[in-house]
Amino acid sequence: MTHLTRRATLGLALAAGGAAAQPAPAGGTWPDRPIRILAPYPPGGQTDLVSRWLAEQLRPAFGQPVLVENRAGAQGIIGTQAALAAPADGTTLLYVNASTTLINPVVHANPGYETFRDMLPLVQFGTAALVLAVRPDRGIKTLADLLAEARRRPAQLSYASFGIGSASHLYGAMLEQVADLRMVHVPYRGSAPAVLDVVAGNAFLSINDEAVTVPQVKDGRLLPLAVTGPARIDTLPEVPTFVELGYRGGLELLGYNGLVLRAGTPPALVDRLAAAILPVLRGPEGRAKLRELGLVPTALGPAEFAAQMRADAPIWAAAARASGARVE
C-alpha cells in the first residue's frame, strides 16, 4: 500500500500546481447561479448540521442561494464523486473529513478519486474526536468492562460505524487490534443512524461523532466510556481518552472536517470563497457554534489546510494498513 502514499504526496503537488495555472474568470458576475455544499452523508449527522449552519451564514455574502445537497452512500464515495464531477467553477463545495480524504483511498480498492490529485483544500472547520458509547442498561460501566465482555463473547458484540472504511470503522478495528479481541462491524450510511441504532439496542456500541453522541449522553440514553484523540473533550470532561486508558495504535488520532473544491478551480474563486467563509468560522459566534456541533475550531485557510492534510496523510494511511480494514 506504500504506493498509495507516494501517489497521494505527488498528487497534492500536482493539484496545487494545476489550480495555480488556471486563469481567473474573465468578466461577468460570480456567482451567477446557486452555490452547493455537497454533504456526502445523510441528514441529521455532523456533516449535515455544519453544512446547513454554514449555508445560512453565507447566503448574504454571495447574492445567491447556498444550498445543501445530501448525497449519502459508500462511506462518502458517492457524494464525493458527484462533487468532483461538477465543473471547477467554485459553485460546488464538497464537505470532507479524514474518512473521505485520507482513509478511503487506502482502504477502498477503487474509490474513483485520488484526494491529492482531484481536490483543492479550501477551509478546515475544526478537528473532531469520536466517542465510544453503550446503552446504560448493558451492565457496562467502564472501557475495561466492555473489553472483558468482548473477550467473554468473542465476535458477538457489534459496533456501529458511519460507514465501511470510515474513521468510525477504523477506530473499532484499531481497538480490536490493540486490545486483542474480536467484534462484529455493522456499517451505516451516516453517524446519526448508527448512534440511533445503538440507542435502540440493535447494536451494542458505537465509536461515533461527538455531535450526535453527546446529546444522547445528556439525555441518559447512552453511556460514554472513552474518547479518541490526545486529550479529553470539554463536553464530556469526565470521560477518559483511550490513551489515558493505555490504548493507542491510532486511537490517539483526531479527525477533521472541512471543505474542498475540485482541483483546477481558478485561484481567484478560491480566494473569494475563503474570504467569505473564514470570517464566519473565526468570529466568536462561529467558533461557539462549531464547538456546539462537535468540532474544536481551527478555521484553517487553503494553504494551512493543505499542509495539515499533507502531514496527516501518512499517519492515517499507516493506521488504516495496520487496522487491516480493506474494501474491495
C-alpha atoms as a PDB file:
ATOM      1  CA  MET A   1       0.000   0.000   0.000  1.00  0.00           C
ATOM      2  CA  THR A   2       3.022   2.291   0.153  1.00  0.00           C
ATOM      3  CA  HIS A   3       2.422   3.235  -3.485  1.00  0.00           C
ATOM      4  CA  LEU A   4      -0.792   4.986  -2.355  1.00  0.00           C
ATOM      5  CA  THR A   5       1.110   7.262  -0.008  1.00  0.00           C
ATOM      6  CA  ARG A   6       3.657   8.179  -2.671  1.00  0.00           C
ATOM      7  CA  ARG A   7       0.870   8.796  -5.156  1.00  0.00           C
ATOM      8  CA  ALA A   8      -1.018  10.933  -2.666  1.00  0.00           C
ATOM      9  CA  THR A   9       2.036  13.067  -1.986  1.00  0.00           C
ATOM     10  CA  LEU A  10       2.692  13.586  -5.686  1.00  0.00           C
ATOM     11  CA  GLY A  11      -0.985  14.219  -6.322  1.00  0.00           C
ATOM     12  CA  LEU A  12      -1.181  17.098  -3.859  1.00  0.00           C
ATOM     13  CA  ALA A  13       1.682  18.830  -5.600  1.00  0.00           C
ATOM     14  CA  LEU A  14       0.009  18.323  -8.968  1.00  0.00           C
ATOM     15  CA  ALA A  15      -3.352  19.534  -7.701  1.00  0.00           C
ATOM     16  CA  ALA A  16      -1.835  22.662  -6.230  1.00  0.00           C
ATOM     17  CA  GLY A  17       0.141  23.328  -9.392  1.00  0.00           C
ATOM     18  CA  GLY A  18      -2.833  22.701 -11.661  1.00  0.00           C
ATOM     19  CA  ALA A  19      -5.008  25.113  -9.701  1.00  0.00           C
ATOM     20  CA  ALA A  20      -2.348  27.809  -9.773  1.00  0.00           C
ATOM     21  CA  ALA A  21      -2.108  27.531 -13.554  1.00  0.00           C
ATOM     22  CA  GLN A  22      -5.792  28.253 -14.109  1.00  0.00           C
ATOM     23  CA  PRO A  23      -6.663  31.813 -15.173  1.00  0.00           C
ATOM     24  CA  ALA A  24      -9.103  33.880 -13.150  1.00  0.00           C
ATOM     25  CA  PRO A  25     -12.613  34.065 -14.610  1.00  0.00           C
ATOM     26  CA  ALA A  26     -12.868  36.811 -17.198  1.00  0.00           C
ATOM     27  CA  GLY A  27     -15.711  39.287 -16.847  1.00  0.00           C
ATOM     28  CA  GLY A  28     -19.199  38.616 -15.645  1.00  0.00           C
ATOM     29  CA  THR A  29     -20.569  38.419 -12.161  1.00  0.00           C
ATOM     30  CA  TRP A  30     -19.699  35.465  -9.987  1.00  0.00           C
ATOM     31  CA  PRO A  31     -21.572  33.521  -8.811  1.00  0.00           C
ATOM     32  CA  ASP A  32     -24.294  33.576 -11.438  1.00  0.00           C
ATOM     33  CA  ARG A  33     -26.049  30.519 -10.017  1.00  0.00           C
ATOM     34  CA  PRO A  34     -26.693  28.963  -6.594  1.00  0.00           C
ATOM     35  CA  ILE A  35     -23.724  27.623  -4.616  1.00  0.00           C
ATOM     36  CA  ARG A  36     -23.981  23.999  -3.476  1.00  0.00           C
ATOM     37  CA  ILE A  37     -22.447  22.443  -0.394  1.00  0.00           C
ATOM     38  CA  LEU A  38     -22.438  18.746  -1.187  1.00  0.00           C
ATOM     39  CA  ALA A  39     -22.660  16.714   2.042  1.00  0.00           C
ATOM     40  CA  PRO A  40     -21.805  13.059   1.339  1.00  0.00           C
ATOM     41  CA  TYR A  41     -23.721  11.739   4.364  1.00  0.00           C
ATOM     42  CA  PRO A  42     -27.438  11.589   5.270  1.00  0.00           C
ATOM     43  CA  PRO A  43     -29.330  14.308   7.165  1.00  0.00           C
ATOM     44  CA  GLY A  44     -29.019  14.553  10.938  1.00  0.00           C
ATOM     45  CA  GLY A  45     -25.302  13.928  11.383  1.00  0.00           C
ATOM     46  CA  GLN A  46     -22.429  16.319  11.973  1.00  0.00           C
ATOM     47  CA  THR A  47     -21.728  16.863   8.270  1.00  0.00           C
ATOM     48  CA  ASP A  48     -25.329  17.833   7.605  1.00  0.00           C
ATOM     49  CA  LEU A  49     -25.642  20.054  10.689  1.00  0.00           C
ATOM     50  CA  VAL A  50     -22.454  22.016   9.992  1.00  0.00           C
ATOM     51  CA  SER A  51     -23.275  22.343   6.285  1.00  0.00           C
ATOM     52  CA  ARG A  52     -26.743  23.782   6.937  1.00  0.00           C
ATOM     53  CA  TRP A  53     -25.484  26.210   9.547  1.00  0.00           C
ATOM     54  CA  LEU A  54     -22.726  27.457   7.219  1.00  0.00           C
ATOM     55  CA  ALA A  55     -25.111  27.772   4.276  1.00  0.00           C
ATOM     56  CA  GLU A  56     -27.297  30.123   6.306  1.00  0.00           C
ATOM     57  CA  GLN A  57     -24.292  32.265   7.222  1.00  0.00           C
ATOM     58  CA  LEU A  58     -23.020  32.509   3.643  1.00  0.00           C
ATOM     59  CA  ARG A  59     -26.203  33.389   1.757  1.00  0.00           C
ATOM     60  CA  PRO A  60     -25.840  37.171   2.279  1.00  0.00           C
ATOM     61  CA  ALA A  61     -22.235  37.110   1.017  1.00  0.00           C
ATOM     62  CA  PHE A  62     -22.970  35.863  -2.491  1.00  0.00           C
ATOM     63  CA  GLY A  63     -26.359  37.189  -3.532  1.00  0.00           C
ATOM     64  CA  GLN A  64     -27.325  33.659  -4.495  1.00  0.00           C
ATOM     65  CA  PRO A  65     -28.904  30.773  -2.612  1.00  0.00           C
ATOM     66  CA  VAL A  66     -26.436  28.480  -0.823  1.00  0.00           C
ATOM     67  CA  LEU A  67     -27.927  25.007  -0.917  1.00  0.00           C
ATOM     68  CA  VAL A  68     -27.034  21.828   0.946  1.00  0.00           C
ATOM     69  CA  GLU A  69     -27.334  18.614  -1.029  1.00  0.00           C
ATOM     70  CA  ASN A  70     -27.072  15.295   0.816  1.00  0.00           C
ATOM     71  CA  ARG A  71     -25.599  12.508  -1.344  1.00  0.00           C
ATOM     72  CA  ALA A  72     -25.053   9.602   1.027  1.00  0.00           C
ATOM     73  CA  GLY A  73     -23.630   6.183   0.297  1.00  0.00           C
ATOM     74  CA  ALA A  74     -20.469   4.078   0.157  1.00  0.00           C
ATOM     75  CA  GLN A  75     -18.757   5.931   3.019  1.00  0.00           C
ATOM     76  CA  GLY A  76     -18.989   9.288   1.296  1.00  0.00           C
ATOM     77  CA  ILE A  77     -17.736   7.998  -2.053  1.00  0.00           C
ATOM     78  CA  ILE A  78     -20.980   8.616  -3.955  1.00  0.00           C
ATOM     79  CA  GLY A  79     -21.220  12.250  -2.877  1.00  0.00           C
ATOM     80  CA  THR A  80     -17.507  12.835  -3.325  1.00  0.00           C
ATOM     81  CA  GLN A  81     -17.558  11.504  -6.875  1.00  0.00           C
ATOM     82  CA  ALA A  82     -20.565  13.693  -7.675  1.00  0.00           C
ATOM     83  CA  ALA A  83     -18.850  16.831  -6.398  1.00  0.00           C
ATOM     84  CA  LEU A  84     -15.628  16.083  -8.246  1.00  0.00           C
ATOM     85  CA  ALA A  85     -17.578  15.567 -11.475  1.00  0.00           C
ATOM     86  CA  ALA A  86     -19.078  19.071 -11.242  1.00  0.00           C
ATOM     87  CA  PRO A  87     -17.482  21.990 -13.118  1.00  0.00           C
ATOM     88  CA  ALA A  88     -14.452  23.563 -11.435  1.00  0.00           C
ATOM     89  CA  ASP A  89     -16.233  26.915 -11.240  1.00  0.00           C
ATOM     90  CA  GLY A  90     -16.354  27.363  -7.474  1.00  0.00           C
ATOM     91  CA  THR A  91     -20.098  26.767  -7.156  1.00  0.00           C
ATOM     92  CA  THR A  92     -19.808  23.209  -5.773  1.00  0.00           C
ATOM     93  CA  LEU A  93     -18.174  22.850  -2.365  1.00  0.00           C
ATOM     94  CA  LEU A  94     -17.527  19.355  -1.041  1.00  0.00           C
ATOM     95  CA  TYR A  95     -17.711  18.660   2.685  1.00  0.00           C
ATOM     96  CA  VAL A  96     -14.830  16.353   3.643  1.00  0.00           C
ATOM     97  CA  ASN A  97     -13.350  14.646   6.658  1.00  0.00           C
ATOM     98  CA  ALA A  98     -10.417  12.339   7.326  1.00  0.00           C
ATOM     99  CA  SER A  99     -12.528   9.350   6.255  1.00  0.00           C
ATOM    100  CA  THR A 100     -13.327  10.618   2.771  1.00  0.00           C
ATOM    101  CA  THR A 101      -9.978  12.266   2.063  1.00  0.00           C
ATOM    102  CA  LEU A 102      -7.287  10.177   3.760  1.00  0.00           C
ATOM    103  CA  ILE A 103      -8.815   6.791   4.630  1.00  0.00           C
ATOM    104  CA  ASN A 104     -10.988   5.931   1.619  1.00  0.00           C
ATOM    105  CA  PRO A 105      -8.082   5.967  -0.862  1.00  0.00           C
ATOM    106  CA  VAL A 106      -6.232   3.469   1.353  1.00  0.00           C
ATOM    107  CA  VAL A 107      -8.955   1.023   2.401  1.00  0.00           C
ATOM    108  CA  HIS A 108     -11.061   1.076  -0.779  1.00  0.00           C
ATOM    109  CA  ALA A 109      -9.596  -0.699  -3.776  1.00  0.00           C
ATOM    110  CA  ASN A 110     -11.079   1.863  -6.175  1.00  0.00           C
ATOM    111  CA  PRO A 111     -12.885   4.858  -4.640  1.00  0.00           C
ATOM    112  CA  GLY A 112     -12.965   6.595  -8.026  1.00  0.00           C
ATOM    113  CA  TYR A 113     -10.875   9.580  -6.959  1.00  0.00           C
ATOM    114  CA  GLU A 114      -7.436  10.480  -5.677  1.00  0.00           C
ATOM    115  CA  THR A 115      -7.602  13.067  -2.930  1.00  0.00           C
ATOM    116  CA  PHE A 116      -4.450  14.989  -3.704  1.00  0.00           C
ATOM    117  CA  ARG A 117      -4.931  14.900  -7.446  1.00  0.00           C
ATOM    118  CA  ASP A 118      -8.618  15.746  -7.603  1.00  0.00           C
ATOM    119  CA  MET A 119      -9.272  18.024  -4.597  1.00  0.00           C
ATOM    120  CA  LEU A 120      -8.211  21.541  -3.747  1.00  0.00           C
ATOM    121  CA  PRO A 121      -8.364  22.275   0.019  1.00  0.00           C
ATOM    122  CA  LEU A 122     -10.460  25.345   0.826  1.00  0.00           C
ATOM    123  CA  VAL A 123     -11.083  25.617   4.590  1.00  0.00           C
ATOM    124  CA  GLN A 124     -10.839  23.356   7.590  1.00  0.00           C
ATOM    125  CA  PHE A 125     -13.590  23.899  10.156  1.00  0.00           C
ATOM    126  CA  GLY A 126     -12.024  22.021  13.038  1.00  0.00           C
ATOM    127  CA  THR A 127     -10.788  18.754  14.438  1.00  0.00           C
ATOM    128  CA  ALA A 128     -13.121  16.029  15.661  1.00  0.00           C
ATOM    129  CA  ALA A 129     -12.918  13.463  18.445  1.00  0.00           C
ATOM    130  CA  LEU A 130     -15.154  10.406  18.452  1.00  0.00           C
ATOM    131  CA  VAL A 131     -16.892   8.919  21.484  1.00  0.00           C
ATOM    132  CA  LEU A 132     -17.240   5.230  22.337  1.00  0.00           C
ATOM    133  CA  ALA A 133     -20.644   4.736  23.960  1.00  0.00           C
ATOM    134  CA  VAL A 134     -23.035   1.965  25.001  1.00  0.00           C
ATOM    135  CA  ARG A 135     -26.543   1.873  26.401  1.00  0.00           C
ATOM    136  CA  PRO A 136     -26.582   2.403  30.190  1.00  0.00           C
ATOM    137  CA  ASP A 137     -28.554  -0.820  30.708  1.00  0.00           C
ATOM    138  CA  ARG A 138     -25.857  -3.062  29.217  1.00  0.00           C
ATOM    139  CA  GLY A 139     -24.214  -3.587  32.609  1.00  0.00           C
ATOM    140  CA  ILE A 140     -21.048  -1.909  31.303  1.00  0.00           C
ATOM    141  CA  LYS A 141     -19.566   0.949  33.337  1.00  0.00           C
ATOM    142  CA  THR A 142     -16.012   1.318  32.019  1.00  0.00           C
ATOM    143  CA  LEU A 143     -13.918   0.505  28.968  1.00  0.00           C
ATOM    144  CA  ALA A 144     -12.358  -2.336  30.979  1.00  0.00           C
ATOM    145  CA  ASP A 145     -15.841  -3.792  31.499  1.00  0.00           C
ATOM    146  CA  LEU A 146     -16.554  -3.581  27.776  1.00  0.00           C
ATOM    147  CA  LEU A 147     -13.302  -5.256  26.792  1.00  0.00           C
ATOM    148  CA  ALA A 148     -13.894  -8.028  29.318  1.00  0.00           C
ATOM    149  CA  GLU A 149     -17.376  -8.598  27.878  1.00  0.00           C
ATOM    150  CA  ALA A 150     -15.993  -8.628  24.329  1.00  0.00           C
ATOM    151  CA  ARG A 151     -13.413 -11.245  25.295  1.00  0.00           C
ATOM    152  CA  ARG A 152     -16.049 -13.315  27.082  1.00  0.00           C
ATOM    153  CA  ARG A 153     -18.245 -13.215  23.969  1.00  0.00           C
ATOM    154  CA  PRO A 154     -15.806 -13.198  21.005  1.00  0.00           C
ATOM    155  CA  ALA A 155     -17.236 -11.992  17.683  1.00  0.00           C
ATOM    156  CA  GLN A 156     -20.633 -11.344  19.285  1.00  0.00           C
ATOM    157  CA  LEU A 157     -20.599  -7.669  20.298  1.00  0.00           C
ATOM    158  CA  SER A 158     -21.489  -5.379  17.389  1.00  0.00           C
ATOM    159  CA  TYR A 159     -20.111  -1.913  16.856  1.00  0.00           C
ATOM    160  CA  ALA A 160     -21.944   0.579  14.668  1.00  0.00           C
ATOM    161  CA  SER A 161     -19.869   2.827  12.424  1.00  0.00           C
ATOM    162  CA  PHE A 162     -20.810   5.564   9.981  1.00  0.00           C
ATOM    163  CA  GLY A 163     -19.594   3.513   7.026  1.00  0.00           C
ATOM    164  CA  ILE A 164     -17.222   0.859   5.750  1.00  0.00           C
ATOM    165  CA  GLY A 165     -13.705   2.254   5.806  1.00  0.00           C
ATOM    166  CA  SER A 166     -14.732   5.325   7.805  1.00  0.00           C
ATOM    167  CA  ALA A 167     -12.773   6.698  10.757  1.00  0.00           C
ATOM    168  CA  SER A 168     -15.519   5.240  12.932  1.00  0.00           C
ATOM    169  CA  HIS A 169     -14.904   1.793  11.414  1.00  0.00           C
ATOM    170  CA  LEU A 170     -11.157   2.226  11.637  1.00  0.00           C
ATOM    171  CA  TYR A 171     -11.211   3.145  15.332  1.00  0.00           C
ATOM    172  CA  GLY A 172     -13.188  -0.041  16.038  1.00  0.00           C
ATOM    173  CA  ALA A 173     -10.673  -2.118  14.084  1.00  0.00           C
ATOM    174  CA  MET A 174      -7.820  -0.407  15.918  1.00  0.00           C
ATOM    175  CA  LEU A 175      -9.419  -1.199  19.273  1.00  0.00           C
ATOM    176  CA  GLU A 176      -9.784  -4.844  18.275  1.00  0.00           C
ATOM    177  CA  GLN A 177      -6.089  -4.961  17.418  1.00  0.00           C
ATOM    178  CA  VAL A 178      -4.627  -3.177  20.424  1.00  0.00           C
ATOM    179  CA  ALA A 179      -6.983  -4.892  22.918  1.00  0.00           C
ATOM    180  CA  ASP A 180      -6.674  -8.299  21.212  1.00  0.00           C
ATOM    181  CA  LEU A 181     -10.367  -9.022  20.789  1.00  0.00           C
ATOM    182  CA  ARG A 182     -12.955  -9.611  18.066  1.00  0.00           C
ATOM    183  CA  MET A 183     -16.210  -7.729  17.487  1.00  0.00           C
ATOM    184  CA  VAL A 184     -18.710  -7.514  14.637  1.00  0.00           C
ATOM    185  CA  HIS A 185     -18.629  -4.376  12.496  1.00  0.00           C
ATOM    186  CA  VAL A 186     -22.016  -3.043  11.385  1.00  0.00           C
ATOM    187  CA  PRO A 187     -21.716  -0.129   8.902  1.00  0.00           C
ATOM    188  CA  TYR A 188     -24.394   2.536   8.472  1.00  0.00           C
ATOM    189  CA  ARG A 189     -24.869   5.328   5.940  1.00  0.00           C
ATOM    190  CA  GLY A 190     -24.007   8.039   8.454  1.00  0.00           C
ATOM    191  CA  SER A 191     -23.372   8.829  12.103  1.00  0.00           C
ATOM    192  CA  ALA A 192     -26.967   9.629  13.075  1.00  0.00           C
ATOM    193  CA  PRO A 193     -28.463   6.238  12.077  1.00  0.00           C
ATOM    194  CA  ALA A 194     -25.504   4.409  13.633  1.00  0.00           C
ATOM    195  CA  VAL A 195     -25.919   6.104  17.006  1.00  0.00           C
ATOM    196  CA  LEU A 196     -29.692   5.771  16.961  1.00  0.00           C
ATOM    197  CA  ASP A 197     -29.393   2.024  16.391  1.00  0.00           C
ATOM    198  CA  VAL A 198     -27.177   1.737  19.468  1.00  0.00           C
ATOM    199  CA  VAL A 199     -29.811   3.674  21.421  1.00  0.00           C
ATOM    200  CA  ALA A 200     -32.465   1.291  20.054  1.00  0.00           C
ATOM    201  CA  GLY A 201     -30.429  -1.717  21.155  1.00  0.00           C
ATOM    202  CA  ASN A 202     -29.793  -3.063  17.664  1.00  0.00           C
ATOM    203  CA  ALA A 203     -26.021  -2.578  18.004  1.00  0.00           C
ATOM    204  CA  PHE A 204     -24.001  -2.946  21.194  1.00  0.00           C
ATOM    205  CA  LEU A 205     -21.709   0.086  20.913  1.00  0.00           C
ATOM    206  CA  SER A 206     -20.504   2.807  18.604  1.00  0.00           C
ATOM    207  CA  ILE A 207     -17.418   4.951  18.246  1.00  0.00           C
ATOM    208  CA  ASN A 208     -19.022   7.962  16.695  1.00  0.00           C
ATOM    209  CA  ASP A 209     -19.245  11.724  16.233  1.00  0.00           C
ATOM    210  CA  GLU A 210     -19.365  13.876  19.334  1.00  0.00           C
ATOM    211  CA  ALA A 211     -22.133  15.973  17.751  1.00  0.00           C
ATOM    212  CA  VAL A 212     -24.616  13.079  17.612  1.00  0.00           C
ATOM    213  CA  THR A 213     -23.375  11.082  20.620  1.00  0.00           C
ATOM    214  CA  VAL A 214     -23.227  13.786  23.310  1.00  0.00           C
ATOM    215  CA  PRO A 215     -26.944  14.739  23.087  1.00  0.00           C
ATOM    216  CA  GLN A 216     -27.846  11.078  23.655  1.00  0.00           C
ATOM    217  CA  VAL A 217     -25.473  11.019  26.630  1.00  0.00           C
ATOM    218  CA  LYS A 218     -27.019  14.172  28.092  1.00  0.00           C
ATOM    219  CA  ASP A 219     -30.480  12.610  27.734  1.00  0.00           C
ATOM    220  CA  GLY A 220     -29.328   9.487  29.559  1.00  0.00           C
ATOM    221  CA  ARG A 221     -29.718   7.183  26.561  1.00  0.00           C
ATOM    222  CA  LEU A 222     -26.013   6.418  26.119  1.00  0.00           C
ATOM    223  CA  LEU A 223     -23.069   5.971  28.486  1.00  0.00           C
ATOM    224  CA  PRO A 224     -19.681   7.229  27.201  1.00  0.00           C
ATOM    225  CA  LEU A 225     -16.647   5.092  28.016  1.00  0.00           C
ATOM    226  CA  ALA A 226     -13.730   6.686  26.131  1.00  0.00           C
ATOM    227  CA  VAL A 227     -12.883   9.335  23.533  1.00  0.00           C
ATOM    228  CA  THR A 228     -10.383   9.314  20.693  1.00  0.00           C
ATOM    229  CA  GLY A 229      -7.629  11.884  20.303  1.00  0.00           C
ATOM    230  CA  PRO A 230      -4.815  13.117  22.527  1.00  0.00           C
ATOM    231  CA  ALA A 231      -6.927  14.973  25.123  1.00  0.00           C
ATOM    232  CA  ARG A 232     -10.318  14.867  26.840  1.00  0.00           C
ATOM    233  CA  ILE A 233     -13.156  16.900  25.339  1.00  0.00           C
ATOM    234  CA  ASP A 234     -14.876  19.714  27.200  1.00  0.00           C
ATOM    235  CA  THR A 235     -18.389  18.399  26.527  1.00  0.00           C
ATOM    236  CA  LEU A 236     -17.543  15.161  28.371  1.00  0.00           C
ATOM    237  CA  PRO A 237     -14.707  16.187  30.709  1.00  0.00           C
ATOM    238  CA  GLU A 238     -15.144  13.160  32.969  1.00  0.00           C
ATOM    239  CA  VAL A 239     -14.614  10.668  30.109  1.00  0.00           C
ATOM    240  CA  PRO A 240     -11.011   9.472  29.652  1.00  0.00           C
ATOM    241  CA  THR A 241      -9.203   9.136  26.362  1.00  0.00           C
ATOM    242  CA  PHE A 242      -8.148   5.750  25.027  1.00  0.00           C
ATOM    243  CA  VAL A 243      -4.567   6.963  25.517  1.00  0.00           C
ATOM    244  CA  GLU A 244      -5.155   7.543  29.236  1.00  0.00           C
ATOM    245  CA  LEU A 245      -6.521   4.020  29.492  1.00  0.00           C
ATOM    246  CA  GLY A 246      -3.414   2.593  27.838  1.00  0.00           C
ATOM    247  CA  TYR A 247      -4.600   2.128  24.244  1.00  0.00           C
ATOM    248  CA  ARG A 248      -3.007   3.838  21.258  1.00  0.00           C
ATOM    249  CA  GLY A 249      -2.428   2.134  17.887  1.00  0.00           C
ATOM    250  CA  GLY A 250      -4.169   5.025  16.095  1.00  0.00           C
ATOM    251  CA  LEU A 251      -6.834   5.691  18.737  1.00  0.00           C
ATOM    252  CA  GLU A 252      -4.933   8.873  19.613  1.00  0.00           C
ATOM    253  CA  LEU A 253      -5.577  10.330  16.133  1.00  0.00           C
ATOM    254  CA  LEU A 254      -8.034  13.180  15.567  1.00  0.00           C
ATOM    255  CA  GLY A 255     -10.187  13.561  12.502  1.00  0.00           C
ATOM    256  CA  TYR A 256     -11.101  16.863  10.866  1.00  0.00           C
ATOM    257  CA  ASN A 257     -13.938  18.454   8.910  1.00  0.00           C
ATOM    258  CA  GLY A 258     -13.657  20.976   6.114  1.00  0.00           C
ATOM    259  CA  LEU A 259     -14.462  21.960   2.554  1.00  0.00           C
ATOM    260  CA  VAL A 260     -12.617  21.304  -0.673  1.00  0.00           C
ATOM    261  CA  LEU A 261     -13.117  22.306  -4.287  1.00  0.00           C
ATOM    262  CA  ARG A 262     -12.455  20.389  -7.448  1.00  0.00           C
ATOM    263  CA  ALA A 263      -8.820  20.722  -8.495  1.00  0.00           C
ATOM    264  CA  GLY A 264      -8.494  23.266 -11.281  1.00  0.00           C
ATOM    265  CA  THR A 265     -10.807  25.840  -9.688  1.00  0.00           C
ATOM    266  CA  PRO A 266      -9.375  29.296 -10.542  1.00  0.00           C
ATOM    267  CA  PRO A 267      -7.337  30.829  -7.704  1.00  0.00           C
ATOM    268  CA  ALA A 268      -9.472  33.993  -7.771  1.00  0.00           C
ATOM    269  CA  LEU A 269     -12.536  31.937  -6.861  1.00  0.00           C
ATOM    270  CA  VAL A 270     -10.674  30.016  -4.159  1.00  0.00           C
ATOM    271  CA  ASP A 271      -9.654  33.330  -2.609  1.00  0.00           C
ATOM    272  CA  ARG A 272     -13.177  34.730  -2.907  1.00  0.00           C
ATOM    273  CA  LEU A 273     -14.721  31.735  -1.185  1.00  0.00           C
ATOM    274  CA  ALA A 274     -12.116  31.596   1.567  1.00  0.00           C
ATOM    275  CA  ALA A 275     -12.511  35.325   2.201  1.00  0.00           C
ATOM    276  CA  ALA A 276     -16.263  34.820   2.718  1.00  0.00           C
ATOM    277  CA  ILE A 277     -16.071  31.667   4.840  1.00  0.00           C
ATOM    278  CA  LEU A 278     -13.110  32.239   7.167  1.00  0.00           C
ATOM    279  CA  PRO A 279     -14.514  35.304   8.991  1.00  0.00           C
ATOM    280  CA  VAL A 280     -17.639  33.273   9.807  1.00  0.00           C
ATOM    281  CA  LEU A 281     -15.529  30.458  11.247  1.00  0.00           C
ATOM    282  CA  ARG A 282     -13.123  32.720  13.132  1.00  0.00           C
ATOM    283  CA  GLY A 283     -15.633  35.006  14.814  1.00  0.00           C
ATOM    284  CA  PRO A 284     -16.725  34.266  18.402  1.00  0.00           C
ATOM    285  CA  GLU A 285     -20.219  33.190  17.342  1.00  0.00           C
ATOM    286  CA  GLY A 286     -18.849  30.895  14.663  1.00  0.00           C
ATOM    287  CA  ARG A 287     -16.319  29.302  16.995  1.00  0.00           C
ATOM    288  CA  ALA A 288     -19.012  28.748  19.610  1.00  0.00           C
ATOM    289  CA  LYS A 289     -21.325  27.185  17.028  1.00  0.00           C
ATOM    290  CA  LEU A 290     -18.627  24.849  15.701  1.00  0.00           C
ATOM    291  CA  ARG A 291     -17.910  23.698  19.242  1.00  0.00           C
ATOM    292  CA  GLU A 292     -21.628  23.130  19.794  1.00  0.00           C
ATOM    293  CA  LEU A 293     -21.629  20.972  16.659  1.00  0.00           C
ATOM    294  CA  GLY A 294     -18.822  18.776  17.962  1.00  0.00           C
ATOM    295  CA  LEU A 295     -15.730  20.359  16.401  1.00  0.00           C
ATOM    296  CA  VAL A 296     -12.737  22.007  18.032  1.00  0.00           C
ATOM    297  CA  PRO A 297     -12.448  25.121  15.840  1.00  0.00           C
ATOM    298  CA  THR A 298      -9.309  25.564  13.744  1.00  0.00           C
ATOM    299  CA  ALA A 299     -10.570  27.740  10.855  1.00  0.00           C
ATOM    300  CA  LEU A 300      -7.625  26.996   8.551  1.00  0.00           C
ATOM    301  CA  GLY A 301      -7.364  28.640   5.145  1.00  0.00           C
ATOM    302  CA  PRO A 302      -6.426  26.893   1.878  1.00  0.00           C
ATOM    303  CA  ALA A 303      -2.653  26.739   2.364  1.00  0.00           C
ATOM    304  CA  GLU A 304      -2.864  25.748   6.035  1.00  0.00           C
ATOM    305  CA  PHE A 305      -5.496  23.107   5.342  1.00  0.00           C
ATOM    306  CA  ALA A 306      -3.419  21.646   2.508  1.00  0.00           C
ATOM    307  CA  ALA A 307      -0.379  21.482   4.803  1.00  0.00           C
ATOM    308  CA  GLN A 308      -2.424  19.764   7.513  1.00  0.00           C
ATOM    309  CA  MET A 309      -3.677  17.177   5.039  1.00  0.00           C
ATOM    310  CA  ARG A 310      -0.119  16.526   3.827  1.00  0.00           C
ATOM    311  CA  ALA A 311       1.004  15.982   7.410  1.00  0.00           C
ATOM    312  CA  ASP A 312      -1.938  13.739   8.340  1.00  0.00           C
ATOM    313  CA  ALA A 313      -1.982  11.568   5.204  1.00  0.00           C
ATOM    314  CA  PRO A 314       0.869   9.167   6.047  1.00  0.00           C
ATOM    315  CA  ILE A 315      -0.311   8.830   9.661  1.00  0.00           C
ATOM    316  CA  TRP A 316      -3.855   7.819   8.678  1.00  0.00           C
ATOM    317  CA  ALA A 317      -2.530   5.597   5.886  1.00  0.00           C
ATOM    318  CA  ALA A 318      -0.302   3.723   8.342  1.00  0.00           C
ATOM    319  CA  ALA A 319      -3.206   3.371  10.800  1.00  0.00           C
ATOM    320  CA  ALA A 320      -5.504   2.098   8.034  1.00  0.00           C
ATOM    321  CA  ARG A 321      -2.973  -0.511   6.922  1.00  0.00           C
ATOM    322  CA  ALA A 322      -2.331  -1.618  10.495  1.00  0.00           C
ATOM    323  CA  SER A 323      -6.063  -1.977  11.177  1.00  0.00           C
ATOM    324  CA  GLY A 324      -6.435  -4.494   8.365  1.00  0.00           C
ATOM    325  CA  ALA A 325      -9.574  -2.711   7.087  1.00  0.00           C
ATOM    326  CA  ARG A 326      -9.964  -3.258   3.347  1.00  0.00           C
ATOM    327  CA  VAL A 327     -12.890  -2.831   0.933  1.00  0.00           C
ATOM    328  CA  GLU A 328     -12.551  -4.467  -2.491  1.00  0.00           C
END
